[in-house]
Protein backbone atom coordinates (compact mmCIF):
# COMPACT_ATOMS: atom_id res chain seq x y z
CA MET A 1 0.01 0.02 0.00
CA GLU A 2 2.83 2.39 0.93
CA ASN A 3 4.69 1.56 -2.34
CA SER A 4 1.50 2.33 -4.29
CA ASN A 5 1.11 5.59 -2.44
CA SER A 6 4.72 6.55 -3.04
CA SER A 7 4.35 5.75 -6.75
CA ALA A 8 1.27 7.94 -6.96
CA LEU A 9 3.05 10.81 -5.22
CA GLY A 10 5.98 10.37 -7.61
CA LEU A 11 3.62 10.60 -10.60
CA TYR A 12 1.94 13.70 -9.17
CA GLY A 13 5.41 15.21 -8.69
CA PHE A 14 6.40 14.28 -12.26
CA ILE A 15 3.27 15.93 -13.71
CA THR A 16 3.88 19.06 -11.58
CA ALA A 17 7.51 19.25 -12.71
CA THR A 18 6.49 18.75 -16.35
CA PHE A 19 3.94 21.58 -15.92
CA GLY A 20 6.60 23.91 -14.52
CA VAL A 21 9.16 23.09 -17.21
CA ALA A 22 6.53 23.57 -19.95
CA VAL A 23 5.58 27.01 -18.60
CA THR A 24 9.25 28.03 -18.32
CA ILE A 25 10.05 26.90 -21.87
CA HIS A 26 7.01 28.74 -23.27
CA PHE A 27 8.05 32.07 -21.78
CA GLN A 28 11.70 31.61 -22.71
CA ARG A 29 10.77 30.98 -26.35
CA SER A 30 8.24 33.78 -26.62
CA GLU A 31 8.59 37.50 -26.07
CA ALA A 32 5.86 37.37 -23.42
CA ARG A 33 6.49 37.47 -19.67
CA LEU A 34 4.72 35.50 -17.01
CA ASN A 35 1.92 37.62 -15.57
CA LEU A 36 1.32 36.61 -11.95
CA ASN A 37 -1.87 38.62 -11.53
CA PRO A 38 -4.46 37.63 -8.89
CA SER A 39 -6.34 35.31 -11.23
CA THR A 40 -3.11 33.47 -12.18
CA ARG A 41 -2.19 33.04 -8.51
CA LEU A 42 -5.66 31.76 -7.74
CA SER A 43 -5.44 29.26 -10.64
CA LEU A 44 -2.15 27.89 -9.30
CA LEU A 45 -3.49 27.66 -5.78
CA LEU A 46 -6.63 25.83 -6.90
CA LEU A 47 -4.55 23.54 -9.10
CA PHE A 48 -2.27 22.25 -6.38
CA ALA A 49 -5.04 22.22 -3.76
CA GLY A 50 -7.13 20.16 -6.18
CA GLY A 51 -4.18 17.82 -6.80
CA SER A 52 -4.03 17.03 -3.11
CA LEU A 53 -7.74 16.32 -2.97
CA PHE A 54 -7.51 14.13 -6.11
CA HIS A 55 -4.75 12.12 -4.46
CA ILE A 56 -6.62 11.66 -1.20
CA TYR A 57 -10.19 11.07 -2.34
CA LEU A 58 -10.05 9.61 -5.85
CA PRO A 59 -8.80 6.27 -7.23
CA GLN A 60 -5.17 6.56 -8.21
CA LEU A 61 -5.53 6.49 -11.99
CA LEU A 62 -8.59 8.76 -12.07
CA GLY A 63 -6.89 11.29 -9.77
CA LEU A 64 -3.76 11.41 -11.93
CA VAL A 65 -5.81 11.86 -15.13
CA LEU A 66 -7.88 14.69 -13.61
CA PHE A 67 -4.75 16.37 -12.24
CA ALA A 68 -3.02 16.16 -15.64
CA VAL A 69 -6.08 17.64 -17.33
CA CYS A 70 -6.23 20.52 -14.83
CA CYS A 71 -2.50 21.19 -15.33
CA SER A 72 -3.10 21.35 -19.08
CA LEU A 73 -5.95 23.81 -18.67
CA VAL A 74 -4.04 26.04 -16.26
CA TYR A 75 -0.99 25.88 -18.58
CA ARG A 76 -3.11 27.21 -21.45
CA SER A 77 -4.59 29.91 -19.24
CA ILE A 78 -1.19 31.09 -17.93
CA CYS A 79 0.44 31.09 -21.36
CA SER A 80 -2.42 33.08 -22.88
CA ASN A 81 -2.24 35.63 -20.04
CA GLY A 82 1.39 36.49 -20.54
CA THR A 83 2.46 40.09 -21.07
CA LEU A 84 4.76 41.54 -23.71
CA SER A 85 7.69 43.78 -22.86
CA PRO A 86 6.92 47.40 -23.78
CA GLU A 87 10.58 48.27 -24.22
CA GLY A 88 11.30 49.75 -27.63
CA LYS A 89 7.83 49.21 -29.08
CA ALA A 90 6.55 51.92 -31.43
CA ILE A 91 3.06 53.13 -30.60
CA LEU A 92 1.03 55.92 -32.26
CA ILE A 93 -1.69 57.65 -30.21
CA THR A 94 -4.24 60.17 -31.55
CA GLY A 95 -5.77 62.95 -29.47
CA CYS A 96 -2.82 63.67 -27.19
CA ASP A 97 -3.59 67.38 -26.57
CA SER A 98 -5.27 66.43 -23.27
CA GLY A 99 -7.18 63.66 -21.47
CA PHE A 100 -6.49 59.99 -21.95
CA GLY A 101 -4.17 60.42 -24.93
CA HIS A 102 -1.96 62.95 -23.18
CA ILE A 103 -1.54 60.86 -20.04
CA LEU A 104 -1.14 57.63 -22.02
CA ALA A 105 1.66 59.13 -24.07
CA LYS A 106 3.59 59.96 -20.89
CA ARG A 107 2.91 56.53 -19.37
CA LEU A 108 4.05 54.60 -22.43
CA HIS A 109 7.15 56.76 -22.79
CA SER A 110 8.02 55.99 -19.13
CA LEU A 111 7.68 52.27 -19.92
CA GLY A 112 10.31 52.53 -22.65
CA CYS A 113 8.10 52.77 -25.75
CA HIS A 114 8.77 54.96 -28.75
CA VAL A 115 5.63 57.09 -28.70
CA PHE A 116 4.24 59.05 -31.62
CA ALA A 117 1.84 61.51 -29.96
CA MET A 118 -0.63 63.09 -32.36
CA VAL A 119 -2.00 66.53 -31.37
CA LEU A 120 -4.53 68.78 -33.07
CA HIS A 121 -2.61 71.93 -32.11
CA LYS A 122 1.17 71.74 -32.20
CA ASP A 123 1.46 75.04 -30.33
CA GLY A 124 -1.13 74.12 -27.67
CA ASP A 125 -0.33 73.65 -23.98
CA GLY A 126 -0.67 69.85 -24.22
CA ALA A 127 1.74 69.60 -27.15
CA GLN A 128 4.24 71.88 -25.50
CA GLU A 129 4.14 69.87 -22.30
CA LEU A 130 4.85 66.64 -24.20
CA LYS A 131 7.66 68.28 -26.15
CA SER A 132 9.22 69.49 -22.86
CA VAL A 133 10.00 65.87 -22.02
CA GLY A 134 12.92 66.34 -24.45
CA SER A 135 13.22 62.73 -25.51
CA ASP A 136 13.81 61.33 -28.99
CA GLN A 137 11.53 58.48 -27.91
CA LEU A 138 8.53 60.85 -27.66
CA THR A 139 7.68 62.39 -31.02
CA VAL A 140 4.90 65.02 -31.10
CA LEU A 141 3.24 65.48 -34.48
CA GLU A 142 0.32 67.66 -35.52
CA MET A 143 -2.52 65.70 -37.13
CA ASP A 144 -6.18 66.43 -37.69
CA ILE A 145 -7.83 63.03 -38.13
CA THR A 146 -10.46 64.56 -40.40
CA ASN A 147 -7.78 65.75 -42.82
CA CYS A 148 -6.75 62.95 -45.15
CA ALA A 149 -3.76 64.80 -46.61
CA MET A 150 -2.40 65.46 -43.10
CA ILE A 151 -2.90 61.83 -42.07
CA HIS A 152 -0.92 60.53 -45.07
CA LYS A 153 1.83 63.13 -44.50
CA VAL A 154 2.21 61.96 -40.90
CA GLN A 155 2.25 58.33 -42.02
CA LYS A 156 5.23 58.99 -44.28
CA GLU A 157 7.05 60.76 -41.40
CA VAL A 158 6.37 57.87 -38.99
CA ALA A 159 7.44 55.28 -41.57
CA LYS A 160 10.67 57.22 -42.14
CA GLN A 161 11.47 57.32 -38.43
CA LEU A 162 10.70 53.61 -38.03
CA GLU A 163 13.23 52.82 -40.82
CA ASN A 164 11.28 49.94 -42.32
CA ARG A 165 10.32 48.55 -38.88
CA GLY A 166 6.63 48.02 -38.27
CA LEU A 167 4.35 50.02 -35.95
CA PHE A 168 3.52 47.87 -32.94
CA ALA A 169 0.28 49.60 -32.03
CA LEU A 170 -2.20 52.32 -32.91
CA VAL A 171 -4.39 53.82 -30.20
CA ASN A 172 -7.34 55.60 -31.74
CA ASN A 173 -8.20 57.93 -28.88
CA ALA A 174 -9.20 61.20 -30.60
CA GLY A 175 -12.90 61.91 -30.30
CA VAL A 176 -15.50 64.60 -29.68
CA ILE A 177 -18.86 64.83 -27.97
CA THR A 178 -21.23 67.45 -29.30
CA HIS A 179 -24.66 68.25 -27.88
CA ILE A 180 -26.40 66.17 -25.27
CA GLY A 181 -30.16 66.13 -25.43
CA ASP A 182 -33.15 64.56 -27.07
CA ALA A 183 -32.52 63.17 -30.55
CA GLU A 184 -35.10 65.40 -32.22
CA ILE A 185 -33.68 68.68 -31.01
CA ILE A 186 -29.99 67.87 -31.59
CA PRO A 187 -28.92 69.55 -34.87
CA THR A 188 -28.01 67.28 -37.75
CA ASP A 189 -24.60 68.96 -37.94
CA ALA A 190 -23.84 67.53 -34.48
CA TYR A 191 -24.44 64.00 -35.79
CA LYS A 192 -22.22 64.72 -38.78
CA ARG A 193 -19.45 66.11 -36.58
CA CYS A 194 -19.46 63.14 -34.26
CA MET A 195 -19.36 60.73 -37.19
CA GLU A 196 -16.67 62.76 -38.93
CA VAL A 197 -14.28 62.53 -35.98
CA ASN A 198 -15.29 59.48 -33.92
CA PHE A 199 -15.93 57.19 -36.90
CA PHE A 200 -14.71 58.32 -40.31
CA GLY A 201 -11.55 59.95 -38.89
CA THR A 202 -10.70 56.81 -36.96
CA VAL A 203 -11.35 54.60 -40.02
CA GLU A 204 -9.07 56.78 -42.16
CA VAL A 205 -6.27 56.75 -39.63
CA THR A 206 -6.59 52.99 -39.17
CA LYS A 207 -6.55 52.25 -42.91
CA THR A 208 -3.58 54.53 -43.46
CA PHE A 209 -1.42 52.97 -40.76
CA LEU A 210 -2.48 49.34 -41.16
CA PRO A 211 0.37 48.45 -43.53
CA LEU A 212 2.88 49.42 -40.85
CA ILE A 213 0.91 47.58 -38.17
CA ARG A 214 0.61 44.43 -40.32
CA ARG A 215 4.36 44.49 -40.87
CA ALA A 216 4.85 44.32 -37.07
CA LYS A 217 1.96 41.88 -36.49
CA GLY A 218 0.87 44.50 -34.04
CA ARG A 219 -2.43 45.67 -32.64
CA ILE A 220 -5.08 48.37 -32.73
CA VAL A 221 -6.85 49.73 -29.64
CA ASN A 222 -9.94 51.84 -30.27
CA ILE A 223 -11.25 54.03 -27.45
CA SER A 224 -15.01 53.75 -27.63
CA SER A 225 -17.68 54.33 -25.00
CA PRO A 226 -20.39 52.35 -23.20
CA SER A 227 -22.81 54.52 -25.14
CA GLY A 228 -21.64 52.80 -28.28
CA GLU A 229 -23.19 49.57 -27.01
CA LEU A 230 -25.87 50.81 -24.61
CA PRO A 231 -28.60 53.23 -25.87
CA PHE A 232 -28.36 55.89 -23.18
CA GLY A 233 -30.99 58.61 -23.40
CA SER A 234 -29.81 62.06 -24.56
CA MET A 235 -26.66 60.59 -26.13
CA SER A 236 -27.88 59.83 -29.69
CA ALA A 237 -25.28 61.84 -31.64
CA TYR A 238 -22.26 60.62 -29.70
CA GLY A 239 -23.61 57.11 -29.12
CA THR A 240 -24.39 56.55 -32.81
CA SER A 241 -20.82 57.41 -33.84
CA LYS A 242 -19.36 55.13 -31.19
CA ALA A 243 -21.74 52.32 -32.18
CA ALA A 244 -20.40 52.58 -35.74
CA LEU A 245 -16.87 52.45 -34.34
CA GLU A 246 -17.69 49.34 -32.26
CA PHE A 247 -19.12 47.49 -35.30
CA PHE A 248 -16.13 48.52 -37.45
CA SER A 249 -13.74 47.29 -34.75
CA ASP A 250 -15.48 43.93 -34.41
CA ILE A 251 -15.38 43.29 -38.13
CA LEU A 252 -11.79 44.47 -38.42
CA ARG A 253 -10.77 42.12 -35.60
CA GLN A 254 -12.09 39.13 -37.56
CA GLU A 255 -10.42 40.22 -40.79
CA MET A 256 -7.05 40.94 -39.20
CA LYS A 257 -6.62 37.47 -37.68
CA ALA A 258 -5.09 36.30 -40.95
CA TRP A 259 -2.41 38.98 -40.46
CA GLU A 260 -1.95 38.19 -36.73
CA VAL A 261 -3.03 41.74 -35.90
CA GLN A 262 -5.18 42.05 -32.76
CA VAL A 263 -7.93 44.61 -32.29
CA SER A 264 -9.43 45.66 -28.97
CA ILE A 265 -12.12 48.09 -27.85
CA ILE A 266 -11.92 50.10 -24.60
CA GLN A 267 -15.13 51.38 -23.04
CA PRO A 268 -14.13 53.93 -20.35
CA GLY A 269 -16.55 54.82 -17.62
CA ALA A 270 -17.74 58.37 -16.86
CA THR A 271 -14.44 60.21 -16.51
CA LYS A 272 -13.91 63.95 -16.23
CA THR A 273 -11.72 64.94 -19.19
CA ALA A 274 -10.87 68.43 -20.42
CA GLN A 275 -14.00 68.69 -22.59
CA VAL A 276 -16.44 67.07 -20.17
CA GLY A 277 -15.36 69.33 -17.31
CA ASN A 278 -15.37 72.57 -19.32
CA VAL A 279 -18.46 74.57 -18.32
CA ASN A 280 -17.89 77.13 -21.08
CA ILE A 281 -18.09 74.48 -23.78
CA TRP A 282 -21.46 73.27 -22.55
CA GLU A 283 -22.74 76.85 -22.18
CA GLN A 284 -21.83 77.53 -25.82
CA GLN A 285 -23.32 74.25 -27.09
CA HIS A 286 -26.56 74.88 -25.20
CA LYS A 287 -26.86 78.39 -26.73
CA LYS A 288 -26.26 77.01 -30.22
CA LEU A 289 -28.78 74.24 -29.57
CA LYS A 290 -31.47 76.65 -28.43
CA ASP A 291 -30.78 79.21 -31.16
CA GLY A 292 -30.98 76.54 -33.84
CA LEU A 293 -34.43 75.22 -32.84
CA THR A 294 -37.42 76.00 -35.01
CA PRO A 295 -40.27 77.92 -33.27
CA GLU A 296 -42.39 74.73 -33.48
CA LEU A 297 -39.78 72.56 -31.68
CA LEU A 298 -39.08 75.25 -29.10
CA HIS A 299 -42.82 75.41 -28.36
CA ASP A 300 -43.33 71.64 -28.28
CA TYR A 301 -40.41 70.94 -25.97
CA GLY A 302 -40.52 74.15 -23.98
CA GLU A 303 -37.69 76.40 -22.79
CA ASP A 304 -37.90 74.95 -19.24
CA TYR A 305 -37.35 71.41 -20.57
CA ILE A 306 -34.39 72.44 -22.73
CA ASP A 307 -32.84 74.52 -19.95
CA GLU A 308 -33.12 71.51 -17.64
CA ILE A 309 -30.79 69.58 -19.99
CA LYS A 310 -28.06 72.25 -19.50
CA GLN A 311 -28.58 72.30 -15.76
CA LYS A 312 -28.25 68.52 -15.55
CA ILE A 313 -25.05 68.57 -17.62
CA MET A 314 -23.59 71.24 -15.34
CA VAL A 315 -24.27 68.97 -12.38
CA ILE A 316 -23.15 65.60 -13.72
CA GLY A 317 -20.00 66.81 -15.59
CA PRO A 318 -18.03 67.89 -12.50
CA SER A 319 -19.22 64.78 -10.61
CA PHE A 320 -17.56 62.38 -13.04
CA ARG A 321 -14.56 60.45 -11.77
CA GLN A 322 -11.40 62.56 -11.98
CA GLN A 323 -8.92 59.69 -11.66
CA VAL A 324 -8.02 58.50 -15.16
CA GLY A 325 -5.61 55.85 -13.82
CA PRO A 326 -7.99 52.87 -14.22
CA VAL A 327 -8.64 53.79 -17.88
CA ILE A 328 -4.91 54.20 -18.63
CA ASP A 329 -4.15 50.89 -16.89
CA THR A 330 -6.78 49.15 -19.03
CA ILE A 331 -5.35 50.58 -22.24
CA VAL A 332 -1.84 49.49 -21.24
CA THR A 333 -3.21 46.00 -20.48
CA ALA A 334 -4.78 45.76 -23.95
CA LEU A 335 -1.55 46.96 -25.58
CA PHE A 336 0.77 44.45 -23.91
CA ALA A 337 -1.36 41.40 -23.11
CA GLN A 338 -0.12 38.46 -25.14
CA ASN A 339 -3.74 37.67 -26.03
CA PRO A 340 -5.81 40.85 -25.47
CA LYS A 341 -9.55 40.72 -25.03
CA PRO A 342 -11.79 41.97 -27.84
CA ARG A 343 -13.49 44.42 -25.43
CA TYR A 344 -12.58 45.99 -22.10
CA THR A 345 -14.72 48.00 -19.68
CA THR A 346 -13.25 50.03 -16.86
CA GLU A 347 -16.10 50.05 -14.32
CA PHE A 348 -18.19 47.28 -12.80
CA VAL A 349 -21.35 49.37 -13.24
CA ILE A 350 -20.93 49.22 -17.03
CA ASP A 351 -21.02 45.43 -16.91
CA VAL A 352 -24.10 45.55 -14.70
CA LEU A 353 -25.91 47.85 -17.15
CA LYS A 354 -24.94 45.57 -20.04
CA THR A 355 -26.38 42.59 -18.22
CA LEU A 356 -29.61 44.46 -17.59
CA TYR A 357 -29.79 45.59 -21.20
CA TYR A 358 -29.27 42.15 -22.74
CA TYR A 359 -31.36 40.08 -20.37
CA LEU A 360 -34.24 42.25 -19.13
CA PRO A 361 -37.31 43.39 -21.14
CA SER A 362 -37.07 46.70 -22.96
CA LEU A 363 -39.86 48.02 -20.73
CA VAL A 364 -37.36 47.95 -17.89
CA THR A 365 -34.12 48.83 -19.73
CA ASP A 366 -35.65 51.77 -21.61
CA THR A 367 -36.55 53.35 -18.30
CA VAL A 368 -33.13 52.72 -16.72
CA LEU A 369 -30.94 53.77 -19.66
CA ASN A 370 -32.99 56.88 -20.40
CA GLN A 371 -32.23 58.12 -16.89
CA VAL A 372 -28.52 57.37 -16.60
CA PHE A 373 -27.19 60.79 -17.68
CA ILE A 374 -30.07 63.24 -17.97
CA ALA A 375 -32.74 62.28 -15.43
CA HIS A 376 -35.52 64.61 -16.50
CA ARG A 377 -37.84 65.98 -13.85
CA LEU A 378 -39.94 67.80 -16.48
CA LEU A 379 -41.87 66.56 -19.47
CA PRO A 380 -41.68 68.24 -22.86
CA ASN A 381 -44.29 70.97 -23.04
CA GLY A 382 -46.25 69.25 -25.81
CA ALA A 383 -46.18 65.84 -24.10
CA LYS A 384 -47.97 66.99 -20.94
CA LYS A 385 -51.36 65.36 -20.54
CA ASP A 386 -53.01 68.73 -20.05
CA ASN A 387 -52.08 69.65 -23.60
CA PHE A 388 -54.00 66.79 -25.17
CA ASN A 389 -57.63 67.52 -26.00
């Protein structure tokens, strides 16, 4: 009996050693590094705890087989969760004047990447701050993503600096949000502007830089929004453009597999960026919105209802989370994970809202999602019951 037990322990030890050697060889042969994040540690703990239970409570052969299968599954999980070294990797980021792009450019530069930071205004404060870093590994270039000629000019400059090396990653971060309010009262020009920047601009940049990315078998990270997947009330112009971006990203991800290029979407939560927290911008947009309404729409919705939209924006904007760290950390994860996820969210509440949206009746979700940003206290003037005869 003791000999049989010793043989079983020897086989368990042999499987464990084989598992360890296999993991070591994998990470020595690949560029990736072992990522001992909490989920990896938990997997290892459960693996070896399970092995002890298999040995004690299961027949010898069955226990060994189950343990070997578990080792195989954990091996695949660990290897797929490895992280790539950022050192020396060339990454291009759009929208670096402020917000996520600005902070991400600094973070990636500090990790040893060669960062190409695209700004809309080369003489702006954000561009000057990035230039003050004074490093040849942080290149600041002016690029309007709605200007095709400018995009192609920048592509030639980047290709020249890379000297026939590929571009490891493109982060499509540049975006705008114009006019929050009911779909009917938002001017059509606002829809066009959002699509021009958030969708068409991003598509043009992606198509232009894809040859360099394909050469490096690199990756694309598109900064989207939960409103591109969830139909939040009052966000029709912005949400529609991000929904188009999401669909484009999902299709591109499928098509790029043949080239070993990976595509990920980031859906940041409500974060206070330069535009969101700028009261003057919302004051100007509200005035333009109100001035552009026809007399009929102004009568039907009512000035009180429209003014309430501005008041709500003034309240919720400053209350958004000011710490951008979680968003930047998520983007960095998507950039350097050996096998990045197709889609990342940065707040648990987003996942909760998605669950509600996909699994509850529209009678419930319409009410919830329509009240997430602009929780109206008033009804449109023409929708009040007293106005129906």
